[in-house]
Amino acid sequence: MKTINHLLILSLSLSLISCGGGSKYEESSTDSVSADQNASTYVSSSAAVENKKDSSRKFIRTAELKFKVKSVIKTTYQIEEITSHEGGFVTYTKLESNKNDVSTVPVSADSSLETTTYSVINTMTLRVPNTKLDSTLKEISKFIDYLDYRIIKADDVALQILSNKLTQKRAVKNEERLTSAIDKRGKKLNETTEAEELLLNKQEQADNAKVSNLSLQDQINFSTISLTLYQRETVKRELIVNNKNIEAYEPGFGRKILDALKIGWNILEGIIVFLFQLWGLIVLGVILFVGYKIYRRLTKE
């Protein structure tokens, strides 16, 4: 009986130990998954390129965005301030208004109402330090009302830089050999001229490779951001002088008769009002006329 009890106690202990170990593993695995999810949420695709600590990689990072804003002019000034604050500069900007439709409606004999619908668009190119690309894009995203597209590219140009360096080395070695050959054996004018031209070509190849590497290094150090900003279509109304012949807008015959009746009635009203304004003189005249009649009767008698 004691042996059975011991066996039961031993089996229960083993089961508890196994269950405890399993729950501990599940908790640790859950924590690691959530941490990975949080990391992937806050790291953008362009920032992930910088996280690779591989010195042999040389990335040229570019971004291209097209989006709608509330006001193109106001947003343009704000983006220029952000670029300057991040240590960058604006290399191109083209702010323009495109007329979509223009309509003119006559409102009187000498004036018309012109209605113009237009769209304001600005195309910009920014250069910002490579390490400031993500922060600059985050600041610009605050002004986005509607995003058409957002393209971010990272081109590895390490092999191209290496190729240019090797070209430089080969050109320098060739240049040294040609210079030595010209100094030692270049006696004839024709041979010397051909060798000098060949030497000049090698120097040009070396210079081109050097300039290409400088250009690539500049693109690595400063990322390029291409922006296209636009806003909702705007309507502008303006009262303008009518350029058409005024005779085309003269009233018809019936309209002329009505206008004549109105003018005649206005004249009659003016005469009546004028007569009422002279009521004192009229009364005085009546009194004089009656007095004269009475005087004549009295003199006849």
C-alpha atoms as a PDB file:
ATOM      1  CA  MET A   1       0.000   0.000   0.000  1.00  0.00           C
ATOM      2  CA  LYS A   2       2.832   2.403   0.864  1.00  0.00           C
ATOM      3  CA  THR A   3       4.538   1.550  -2.419  1.00  0.00           C
ATOM      4  CA  ILE A   4       1.410   2.482  -4.379  1.00  0.00           C
ATOM      5  CA  ASN A   5       1.137   5.777  -2.515  1.00  0.00           C
ATOM      6  CA  HIS A   6       4.763   6.605  -3.274  1.00  0.00           C
ATOM      7  CA  LEU A   7       4.251   5.872  -6.946  1.00  0.00           C
ATOM      8  CA  LEU A   8       1.167   8.122  -7.092  1.00  0.00           C
ATOM      9  CA  ILE A   9       2.990  10.983  -5.402  1.00  0.00           C
ATOM     10  CA  LEU A  10       5.959  10.592  -7.798  1.00  0.00           C
ATOM     11  CA  SER A  11       3.752  10.608 -10.914  1.00  0.00           C
ATOM     12  CA  LEU A  12       1.858  13.700  -9.751  1.00  0.00           C
ATOM     13  CA  SER A  13       5.125  15.544  -9.108  1.00  0.00           C
ATOM     14  CA  LEU A  14       6.432  14.726 -12.583  1.00  0.00           C
ATOM     15  CA  SER A  15       3.221  15.885 -14.249  1.00  0.00           C
ATOM     16  CA  LEU A  16       3.278  19.195 -12.333  1.00  0.00           C
ATOM     17  CA  ILE A  17       6.892  19.812 -13.322  1.00  0.00           C
ATOM     18  CA  SER A  18       6.164  19.124 -16.994  1.00  0.00           C
ATOM     19  CA  CYS A  19       3.086  21.395 -16.985  1.00  0.00           C
ATOM     20  CA  GLY A  20       5.013  24.226 -15.326  1.00  0.00           C
ATOM     21  CA  GLY A  21       7.830  24.028 -17.864  1.00  0.00           C
ATOM     22  CA  GLY A  22       5.385  24.105 -20.775  1.00  0.00           C
ATOM     23  CA  SER A  23       3.571  27.247 -19.561  1.00  0.00           C
ATOM     24  CA  LYS A  24       6.859  29.055 -19.059  1.00  0.00           C
ATOM     25  CA  TYR A  25       7.894  28.388 -22.658  1.00  0.00           C
ATOM     26  CA  GLU A  26       4.587  29.598 -23.994  1.00  0.00           C
ATOM     27  CA  GLU A  27       4.872  32.910 -22.132  1.00  0.00           C
ATOM     28  CA  SER A  28       8.398  33.587 -23.385  1.00  0.00           C
ATOM     29  CA  SER A  29       7.466  32.787 -26.996  1.00  0.00           C
ATOM     30  CA  THR A  30       4.438  35.096 -26.837  1.00  0.00           C
ATOM     31  CA  ASP A  31       6.574  37.953 -25.536  1.00  0.00           C
ATOM     32  CA  SER A  32       9.072  37.555 -28.364  1.00  0.00           C
ATOM     33  CA  VAL A  33       6.354  37.560 -31.054  1.00  0.00           C
ATOM     34  CA  SER A  34       4.778  40.764 -29.712  1.00  0.00           C
ATOM     35  CA  ALA A  35       8.190  42.445 -29.581  1.00  0.00           C
ATOM     36  CA  ASP A  36       8.853  41.523 -33.219  1.00  0.00           C
ATOM     37  CA  GLN A  37       5.477  42.885 -34.269  1.00  0.00           C
ATOM     38  CA  ASN A  38       6.102  46.204 -32.518  1.00  0.00           C
ATOM     39  CA  ALA A  39       9.522  46.517 -34.130  1.00  0.00           C
ATOM     40  CA  SER A  40       8.153  45.847 -37.621  1.00  0.00           C
ATOM     41  CA  THR A  41       5.420  48.426 -37.049  1.00  0.00           C
ATOM     42  CA  TYR A  42       7.733  51.333 -36.260  1.00  0.00           C
ATOM     43  CA  VAL A  43      10.556  50.589 -38.722  1.00  0.00           C
ATOM     44  CA  SER A  44       9.867  51.765 -42.266  1.00  0.00           C
ATOM     45  CA  SER A  45      11.220  50.064 -45.348  1.00  0.00           C
ATOM     46  CA  SER A  46      13.765  52.808 -45.918  1.00  0.00           C
ATOM     47  CA  ALA A  47      14.946  52.739 -42.299  1.00  0.00           C
ATOM     48  CA  ALA A  48      15.449  48.988 -42.505  1.00  0.00           C
ATOM     49  CA  VAL A  49      18.152  49.572 -45.091  1.00  0.00           C
ATOM     50  CA  GLU A  50      20.189  51.547 -42.585  1.00  0.00           C
ATOM     51  CA  ASN A  51      19.848  48.824 -39.964  1.00  0.00           C
ATOM     52  CA  LYS A  52      22.006  46.466 -41.975  1.00  0.00           C
ATOM     53  CA  LYS A  53      25.509  47.049 -40.607  1.00  0.00           C
ATOM     54  CA  ASP A  54      27.256  46.043 -43.827  1.00  0.00           C
ATOM     55  CA  SER A  55      29.964  48.548 -44.711  1.00  0.00           C
ATOM     56  CA  SER A  56      30.301  47.078 -48.206  1.00  0.00           C
ATOM     57  CA  ARG A  57      26.825  48.344 -49.102  1.00  0.00           C
ATOM     58  CA  LYS A  58      26.448  51.828 -50.559  1.00  0.00           C
ATOM     59  CA  PHE A  59      22.788  52.823 -50.936  1.00  0.00           C
ATOM     60  CA  ILE A  60      21.328  55.719 -52.902  1.00  0.00           C
ATOM     61  CA  ARG A  61      17.937  56.347 -51.293  1.00  0.00           C
ATOM     62  CA  THR A  62      15.229  58.234 -53.142  1.00  0.00           C
ATOM     63  CA  ALA A  63      11.570  58.978 -52.458  1.00  0.00           C
ATOM     64  CA  GLU A  64       8.738  60.042 -54.756  1.00  0.00           C
ATOM     65  CA  LEU A  65       5.344  61.223 -53.497  1.00  0.00           C
ATOM     66  CA  LYS A  66       2.178  62.652 -54.988  1.00  0.00           C
ATOM     67  CA  PHE A  67      -0.549  63.858 -52.653  1.00  0.00           C
ATOM     68  CA  LYS A  68      -3.387  66.324 -52.174  1.00  0.00           C
ATOM     69  CA  VAL A  69      -3.186  69.168 -49.645  1.00  0.00           C
ATOM     70  CA  LYS A  70      -5.493  71.869 -48.335  1.00  0.00           C
ATOM     71  CA  SER A  71      -3.404  74.735 -49.765  1.00  0.00           C
ATOM     72  CA  VAL A  72      -0.505  74.208 -52.167  1.00  0.00           C
ATOM     73  CA  ILE A  73       1.099  77.606 -51.542  1.00  0.00           C
ATOM     74  CA  LYS A  74       0.989  77.326 -47.750  1.00  0.00           C
ATOM     75  CA  THR A  75       2.225  73.713 -47.764  1.00  0.00           C
ATOM     76  CA  THR A  76       5.071  74.616 -50.128  1.00  0.00           C
ATOM     77  CA  TYR A  77       6.417  77.219 -47.685  1.00  0.00           C
ATOM     78  CA  GLN A  78       6.123  74.733 -44.802  1.00  0.00           C
ATOM     79  CA  ILE A  79       7.964  71.991 -46.713  1.00  0.00           C
ATOM     80  CA  GLU A  80      10.746  74.436 -47.572  1.00  0.00           C
ATOM     81  CA  GLU A  81      11.111  75.274 -43.867  1.00  0.00           C
ATOM     82  CA  ILE A  82      11.208  71.552 -42.945  1.00  0.00           C
ATOM     83  CA  THR A  83      13.885  70.891 -45.583  1.00  0.00           C
ATOM     84  CA  SER A  84      16.058  73.716 -44.274  1.00  0.00           C
ATOM     85  CA  HIS A  85      15.584  72.563 -40.669  1.00  0.00           C
ATOM     86  CA  GLU A  86      16.708  69.012 -41.578  1.00  0.00           C
ATOM     87  CA  GLY A  87      19.896  70.335 -43.173  1.00  0.00           C
ATOM     88  CA  GLY A  88      18.743  69.966 -46.773  1.00  0.00           C
ATOM     89  CA  PHE A  89      17.919  72.282 -49.664  1.00  0.00           C
ATOM     90  CA  VAL A  90      15.403  72.728 -52.475  1.00  0.00           C
ATOM     91  CA  THR A  91      16.828  72.146 -55.957  1.00  0.00           C
ATOM     92  CA  TYR A  92      13.651  72.620 -58.019  1.00  0.00           C
ATOM     93  CA  THR A  93      10.143  73.962 -57.569  1.00  0.00           C
ATOM     94  CA  LYS A  94       7.479  74.774 -60.163  1.00  0.00           C
ATOM     95  CA  LEU A  95       4.279  76.327 -58.807  1.00  0.00           C
ATOM     96  CA  GLU A  96       1.578  76.829 -61.442  1.00  0.00           C
ATOM     97  CA  SER A  97      -2.176  77.222 -61.940  1.00  0.00           C
ATOM     98  CA  ASN A  98      -3.805  75.251 -64.737  1.00  0.00           C
ATOM     99  CA  LYS A  99      -7.094  76.592 -66.099  1.00  0.00           C
ATOM    100  CA  ASN A 100      -9.644  73.826 -66.502  1.00  0.00           C
ATOM    101  CA  ASP A 101     -12.598  75.874 -67.775  1.00  0.00           C
ATOM    102  CA  VAL A 102     -13.502  79.532 -68.462  1.00  0.00           C
ATOM    103  CA  SER A 103     -17.078  80.693 -69.088  1.00  0.00           C
ATOM    104  CA  THR A 104     -18.494  84.219 -69.642  1.00  0.00           C
ATOM    105  CA  VAL A 105     -22.127  85.182 -69.068  1.00  0.00           C
ATOM    106  CA  PRO A 106     -23.509  88.678 -69.985  1.00  0.00           C
ATOM    107  CA  VAL A 107     -25.202  90.312 -67.008  1.00  0.00           C
ATOM    108  CA  SER A 108     -25.832  93.793 -68.502  1.00  0.00           C
ATOM    109  CA  ALA A 109     -25.280  95.790 -71.689  1.00  0.00           C
ATOM    110  CA  ASP A 110     -21.692  96.627 -70.806  1.00  0.00           C
ATOM    111  CA  SER A 111     -20.522  93.935 -68.335  1.00  0.00           C
ATOM    112  CA  SER A 112     -20.173  90.146 -68.087  1.00  0.00           C
ATOM    113  CA  LEU A 113     -19.460  87.610 -65.327  1.00  0.00           C
ATOM    114  CA  GLU A 114     -16.355  85.518 -65.980  1.00  0.00           C
ATOM    115  CA  THR A 115     -16.126  82.182 -64.127  1.00  0.00           C
ATOM    116  CA  THR A 116     -12.751  80.401 -64.084  1.00  0.00           C
ATOM    117  CA  THR A 117     -12.060  76.948 -62.629  1.00  0.00           C
ATOM    118  CA  TYR A 118      -8.392  76.121 -62.102  1.00  0.00           C
ATOM    119  CA  SER A 119      -6.077  73.703 -60.291  1.00  0.00           C
ATOM    120  CA  VAL A 120      -2.936  74.713 -58.381  1.00  0.00           C
ATOM    121  CA  ILE A 121      -0.018  72.264 -58.692  1.00  0.00           C
ATOM    122  CA  ASN A 122       3.559  72.391 -57.447  1.00  0.00           C
ATOM    123  CA  THR A 123       6.400  70.064 -58.421  1.00  0.00           C
ATOM    124  CA  MET A 124       9.351  70.059 -56.016  1.00  0.00           C
ATOM    125  CA  THR A 125      12.718  68.329 -55.708  1.00  0.00           C
ATOM    126  CA  LEU A 126      14.421  68.216 -52.309  1.00  0.00           C
ATOM    127  CA  ARG A 127      17.865  67.042 -51.200  1.00  0.00           C
ATOM    128  CA  VAL A 128      18.216  66.030 -47.551  1.00  0.00           C
ATOM    129  CA  PRO A 129      20.953  64.176 -45.659  1.00  0.00           C
ATOM    130  CA  ASN A 130      20.616  60.415 -45.987  1.00  0.00           C
ATOM    131  CA  THR A 131      20.113  60.010 -42.253  1.00  0.00           C
ATOM    132  CA  LYS A 132      17.294  62.592 -42.291  1.00  0.00           C
ATOM    133  CA  LEU A 133      15.193  61.023 -45.042  1.00  0.00           C
ATOM    134  CA  ASP A 134      12.764  59.198 -42.721  1.00  0.00           C
ATOM    135  CA  SER A 135      12.265  62.146 -40.377  1.00  0.00           C
ATOM    136  CA  THR A 136      11.692  64.492 -43.325  1.00  0.00           C
ATOM    137  CA  LEU A 137       9.077  62.180 -44.851  1.00  0.00           C
ATOM    138  CA  LYS A 138       7.292  61.909 -41.504  1.00  0.00           C
ATOM    139  CA  GLU A 139       7.119  65.701 -41.218  1.00  0.00           C
ATOM    140  CA  ILE A 140       5.814  66.044 -44.779  1.00  0.00           C
ATOM    141  CA  SER A 141       3.158  63.360 -44.187  1.00  0.00           C
ATOM    142  CA  LYS A 142       1.402  65.685 -41.718  1.00  0.00           C
ATOM    143  CA  PHE A 143       0.181  67.829 -44.620  1.00  0.00           C
ATOM    144  CA  ILE A 144      -1.210  64.952 -46.721  1.00  0.00           C
ATOM    145  CA  ASP A 145      -4.973  65.178 -47.250  1.00  0.00           C
ATOM    146  CA  TYR A 146      -5.066  62.334 -49.801  1.00  0.00           C
ATOM    147  CA  LEU A 147      -2.087  60.201 -50.864  1.00  0.00           C
ATOM    148  CA  ASP A 148      -1.880  59.151 -54.529  1.00  0.00           C
ATOM    149  CA  TYR A 149       1.331  57.169 -54.180  1.00  0.00           C
ATOM    150  CA  ARG A 150       4.571  56.920 -52.174  1.00  0.00           C
ATOM    151  CA  ILE A 151       7.655  55.245 -53.678  1.00  0.00           C
ATOM    152  CA  ILE A 152      10.896  54.741 -51.738  1.00  0.00           C
ATOM    153  CA  LYS A 153      13.921  53.157 -53.412  1.00  0.00           C
ATOM    154  CA  ALA A 154      17.350  52.112 -52.157  1.00  0.00           C
ATOM    155  CA  ASP A 155      19.844  51.289 -54.943  1.00  0.00           C
ATOM    156  CA  ASP A 156      23.117  49.619 -53.999  1.00  0.00           C
ATOM    157  CA  VAL A 157      25.924  51.252 -56.032  1.00  0.00           C
ATOM    158  CA  ALA A 158      28.880  49.635 -54.262  1.00  0.00           C
ATOM    159  CA  LEU A 159      29.859  47.624 -57.350  1.00  0.00           C
ATOM    160  CA  GLN A 160      29.629  50.678 -59.572  1.00  0.00           C
ATOM    161  CA  ILE A 161      31.911  52.629 -57.235  1.00  0.00           C
ATOM    162  CA  LEU A 162      34.367  49.724 -57.209  1.00  0.00           C
ATOM    163  CA  SER A 163      34.291  49.574 -61.008  1.00  0.00           C
ATOM    164  CA  ASN A 164      35.082  53.293 -61.238  1.00  0.00           C
ATOM    165  CA  LYS A 165      37.994  52.921 -58.816  1.00  0.00           C
ATOM    166  CA  LEU A 166      39.445  50.049 -60.849  1.00  0.00           C
ATOM    167  CA  THR A 167      39.042  52.125 -64.010  1.00  0.00           C
ATOM    168  CA  GLN A 168      40.954  54.937 -62.339  1.00  0.00           C
ATOM    169  CA  LYS A 169      43.789  52.593 -61.342  1.00  0.00           C
ATOM    170  CA  ARG A 170      44.068  51.135 -64.814  1.00  0.00           C
ATOM    171  CA  ALA A 171      44.048  54.572 -66.383  1.00  0.00           C
ATOM    172  CA  VAL A 172      46.751  55.839 -64.006  1.00  0.00           C
ATOM    173  CA  LYS A 173      49.017  52.867 -64.722  1.00  0.00           C
ATOM    174  CA  ASN A 174      48.469  53.253 -68.464  1.00  0.00           C
ATOM    175  CA  GLU A 175      49.182  56.954 -68.179  1.00  0.00           C
ATOM    176  CA  GLU A 176      52.477  56.305 -66.405  1.00  0.00           C
ATOM    177  CA  ARG A 177      53.567  53.782 -69.023  1.00  0.00           C
ATOM    178  CA  LEU A 178      52.616  56.067 -71.903  1.00  0.00           C
ATOM    179  CA  THR A 179      54.420  59.012 -70.326  1.00  0.00           C
ATOM    180  CA  SER A 180      57.545  56.935 -69.860  1.00  0.00           C
ATOM    181  CA  ALA A 181      57.362  55.634 -73.427  1.00  0.00           C
ATOM    182  CA  ILE A 182      56.943  59.139 -74.838  1.00  0.00           C
ATOM    183  CA  ASP A 183      59.926  60.417 -72.878  1.00  0.00           C
ATOM    184  CA  LYS A 184      62.183  57.517 -73.926  1.00  0.00           C
ATOM    185  CA  ARG A 185      61.190  56.618 -77.480  1.00  0.00           C
ATOM    186  CA  GLY A 186      58.948  59.405 -78.743  1.00  0.00           C
ATOM    187  CA  LYS A 187      61.270  60.959 -81.331  1.00  0.00           C
ATOM    188  CA  LYS A 188      59.105  61.240 -84.427  1.00  0.00           C
ATOM    189  CA  LEU A 189      56.417  63.913 -84.453  1.00  0.00           C
ATOM    190  CA  ASN A 190      53.656  61.605 -85.730  1.00  0.00           C
ATOM    191  CA  GLU A 191      54.364  58.907 -83.159  1.00  0.00           C
ATOM    192  CA  THR A 192      54.563  61.467 -80.366  1.00  0.00           C
ATOM    193  CA  THR A 193      51.261  63.068 -81.395  1.00  0.00           C
ATOM    194  CA  GLU A 194      49.432  59.730 -81.466  1.00  0.00           C
ATOM    195  CA  ALA A 195      50.879  58.767 -78.090  1.00  0.00           C
ATOM    196  CA  GLU A 196      49.885  62.136 -76.621  1.00  0.00           C
ATOM    197  CA  GLU A 197      46.309  61.685 -77.876  1.00  0.00           C
ATOM    198  CA  LEU A 198      46.172  58.192 -76.382  1.00  0.00           C
ATOM    199  CA  LEU A 199      47.529  59.550 -73.100  1.00  0.00           C
ATOM    200  CA  LEU A 200      44.890  62.278 -73.112  1.00  0.00           C
ATOM    201  CA  ASN A 201      42.140  59.678 -73.604  1.00  0.00           C
ATOM    202  CA  LYS A 202      43.406  57.674 -70.634  1.00  0.00           C
ATOM    203  CA  GLN A 203      43.464  60.797 -68.481  1.00  0.00           C
ATOM    204  CA  GLU A 204      39.907  61.578 -69.561  1.00  0.00           C
ATOM    205  CA  GLN A 205      38.772  58.064 -68.599  1.00  0.00           C
ATOM    206  CA  ALA A 206      40.341  58.467 -65.160  1.00  0.00           C
ATOM    207  CA  ASP A 207      38.706  61.881 -64.698  1.00  0.00           C
ATOM    208  CA  ASN A 208      35.308  60.572 -65.770  1.00  0.00           C
ATOM    209  CA  ALA A 209      35.538  57.676 -63.326  1.00  0.00           C
ATOM    210  CA  LYS A 210      36.538  60.066 -60.527  1.00  0.00           C
ATOM    211  CA  VAL A 211      33.678  62.477 -61.300  1.00  0.00           C
ATOM    212  CA  SER A 212      31.219  59.572 -61.472  1.00  0.00           C
ATOM    213  CA  ASN A 213      32.288  58.387 -58.022  1.00  0.00           C
ATOM    214  CA  LEU A 214      31.975  61.912 -56.634  1.00  0.00           C
ATOM    215  CA  SER A 215      28.457  62.118 -58.063  1.00  0.00           C
ATOM    216  CA  LEU A 216      27.521  58.739 -56.591  1.00  0.00           C
ATOM    217  CA  GLN A 217      28.939  59.705 -53.203  1.00  0.00           C
ATOM    218  CA  ASP A 218      26.908  62.909 -53.282  1.00  0.00           C
ATOM    219  CA  GLN A 219      23.740  60.914 -54.004  1.00  0.00           C
ATOM    220  CA  ILE A 220      24.611  58.550 -51.145  1.00  0.00           C
ATOM    221  CA  ASN A 221      25.144  61.410 -48.693  1.00  0.00           C
ATOM    222  CA  PHE A 222      22.028  63.357 -49.759  1.00  0.00           C
ATOM    223  CA  SER A 223      18.790  61.595 -50.606  1.00  0.00           C
ATOM    224  CA  THR A 224      16.492  63.011 -53.282  1.00  0.00           C
ATOM    225  CA  ILE A 225      12.776  63.556 -52.627  1.00  0.00           C
ATOM    226  CA  SER A 226      10.454  64.308 -55.559  1.00  0.00           C
ATOM    227  CA  LEU A 227       7.084  65.791 -54.603  1.00  0.00           C
ATOM    228  CA  THR A 228       3.922  66.617 -56.544  1.00  0.00           C
ATOM    229  CA  LEU A 229       1.393  68.683 -54.578  1.00  0.00           C
ATOM    230  CA  TYR A 230      -2.114  69.618 -55.690  1.00  0.00           C
ATOM    231  CA  GLN A 231      -5.316  70.908 -54.132  1.00  0.00           C
ATOM    232  CA  ARG A 232      -9.053  70.829 -54.807  1.00  0.00           C
ATOM    233  CA  GLU A 233     -10.238  72.614 -57.949  1.00  0.00           C
ATOM    234  CA  THR A 234     -10.803  76.316 -57.253  1.00  0.00           C
ATOM    235  CA  VAL A 235     -13.524  78.577 -58.730  1.00  0.00           C
ATOM    236  CA  LYS A 236     -12.962  82.313 -59.310  1.00  0.00           C
ATOM    237  CA  ARG A 237     -15.689  84.734 -60.435  1.00  0.00           C
ATOM    238  CA  GLU A 238     -14.975  88.238 -61.715  1.00  0.00           C
ATOM    239  CA  LEU A 239     -17.122  91.013 -63.237  1.00  0.00           C
ATOM    240  CA  ILE A 240     -15.461  92.203 -66.452  1.00  0.00           C
ATOM    241  CA  VAL A 241     -16.179  94.674 -69.267  1.00  0.00           C
ATOM    242  CA  ASN A 242     -18.298  93.251 -72.073  1.00  0.00           C
ATOM    243  CA  ASN A 243     -16.155  93.197 -75.210  1.00  0.00           C
ATOM    244  CA  LYS A 244     -19.037  92.355 -77.540  1.00  0.00           C
ATOM    245  CA  ASN A 245     -21.044  94.930 -79.536  1.00  0.00           C
ATOM    246  CA  ILE A 246     -23.474  96.687 -77.202  1.00  0.00           C
ATOM    247  CA  GLU A 247     -26.074  96.909 -80.014  1.00  0.00           C
ATOM    248  CA  ALA A 248     -26.493  93.146 -79.790  1.00  0.00           C
ATOM    249  CA  TYR A 249     -27.917  93.627 -76.309  1.00  0.00           C
ATOM    250  CA  GLU A 250     -30.389  96.485 -77.145  1.00  0.00           C
ATOM    251  CA  PRO A 251     -33.990  95.848 -75.952  1.00  0.00           C
ATOM    252  CA  GLY A 252     -36.759  94.775 -78.380  1.00  0.00           C
ATOM    253  CA  PHE A 253     -39.694  96.834 -79.692  1.00  0.00           C
ATOM    254  CA  GLY A 254     -42.093  95.849 -76.899  1.00  0.00           C
ATOM    255  CA  ARG A 255     -39.476  96.626 -74.305  1.00  0.00           C
ATOM    256  CA  LYS A 256     -38.926 100.059 -75.873  1.00  0.00           C
ATOM    257  CA  ILE A 257     -42.699 100.840 -75.687  1.00  0.00           C
ATOM    258  CA  LEU A 258     -42.824  99.873 -72.007  1.00  0.00           C
ATOM    259  CA  ASP A 259     -39.770 102.011 -71.310  1.00  0.00           C
ATOM    260  CA  ALA A 260     -41.408 104.960 -73.178  1.00  0.00           C
ATOM    261  CA  LEU A 261     -44.626 104.612 -71.108  1.00  0.00           C
ATOM    262  CA  LYS A 262     -42.573 104.605 -67.939  1.00  0.00           C
ATOM    263  CA  ILE A 263     -40.675 107.706 -69.038  1.00  0.00           C
ATOM    264  CA  GLY A 264     -43.915 109.516 -69.986  1.00  0.00           C
ATOM    265  CA  TRP A 265     -45.531 108.627 -66.671  1.00  0.00           C
ATOM    266  CA  ASN A 266     -42.488 109.893 -64.829  1.00  0.00           C
ATOM    267  CA  ILE A 267     -42.712 113.202 -66.722  1.00  0.00           C
ATOM    268  CA  LEU A 268     -46.455 113.534 -65.916  1.00  0.00           C
ATOM    269  CA  GLU A 269     -45.755 112.830 -62.252  1.00  0.00           C
ATOM    270  CA  GLY A 270     -43.114 115.518 -62.293  1.00  0.00           C
ATOM    271  CA  ILE A 271     -45.510 118.107 -63.767  1.00  0.00           C
ATOM    272  CA  ILE A 272     -48.246 117.296 -61.241  1.00  0.00           C
ATOM    273  CA  VAL A 273     -45.793 117.514 -58.369  1.00  0.00           C
ATOM    274  CA  PHE A 274     -44.500 120.822 -59.735  1.00  0.00           C
ATOM    275  CA  LEU A 275     -48.034 122.245 -59.905  1.00  0.00           C
ATOM    276  CA  PHE A 276     -48.712 121.211 -56.335  1.00  0.00           C
ATOM    277  CA  GLN A 277     -45.539 122.949 -55.321  1.00  0.00           C
ATOM    278  CA  LEU A 278     -47.040 126.210 -56.834  1.00  0.00           C
ATOM    279  CA  TRP A 279     -50.372 125.959 -54.981  1.00  0.00           C
ATOM    280  CA  GLY A 280     -49.788 129.340 -53.283  1.00  0.00           C
ATOM    281  CA  LEU A 281     -49.486 131.168 -56.588  1.00  0.00           C
ATOM    282  CA  ILE A 282     -52.551 129.382 -57.946  1.00  0.00           C
ATOM    283  CA  VAL A 283     -54.638 130.429 -54.921  1.00  0.00           C
ATOM    284  CA  LEU A 284     -53.364 134.011 -55.241  1.00  0.00           C
ATOM    285  CA  GLY A 285     -54.277 134.055 -58.926  1.00  0.00           C
ATOM    286  CA  VAL A 286     -57.794 132.788 -58.185  1.00  0.00           C
ATOM    287  CA  ILE A 287     -58.275 135.488 -55.541  1.00  0.00           C
ATOM    288  CA  LEU A 288     -57.106 138.192 -57.939  1.00  0.00           C
ATOM    289  CA  PHE A 289     -59.358 136.875 -60.680  1.00  0.00           C
ATOM    290  CA  VAL A 290     -62.423 136.841 -58.382  1.00  0.00           C
ATOM    291  CA  GLY A 291     -61.592 140.333 -57.133  1.00  0.00           C
ATOM    292  CA  TYR A 292     -61.294 141.609 -60.657  1.00  0.00           C
ATOM    293  CA  LYS A 293     -64.698 140.175 -61.570  1.00  0.00           C
ATOM    294  CA  ILE A 294     -66.300 141.802 -58.521  1.00  0.00           C
ATOM    295  CA  TYR A 295     -64.642 145.102 -59.328  1.00  0.00           C
ATOM    296  CA  ARG A 296     -65.988 145.068 -62.894  1.00  0.00           C
ATOM    297  CA  ARG A 297     -69.532 144.438 -61.721  1.00  0.00           C
ATOM    298  CA  LEU A 298     -69.365 147.256 -59.237  1.00  0.00           C
ATOM    299  CA  THR A 299     -68.051 149.730 -61.808  1.00  0.00           C
ATOM    300  CA  LYS A 300     -70.792 148.832 -64.300  1.00  0.00           C
ATOM    301  CA  GLU A 301     -73.490 149.514 -61.766  1.00  0.00           C
END
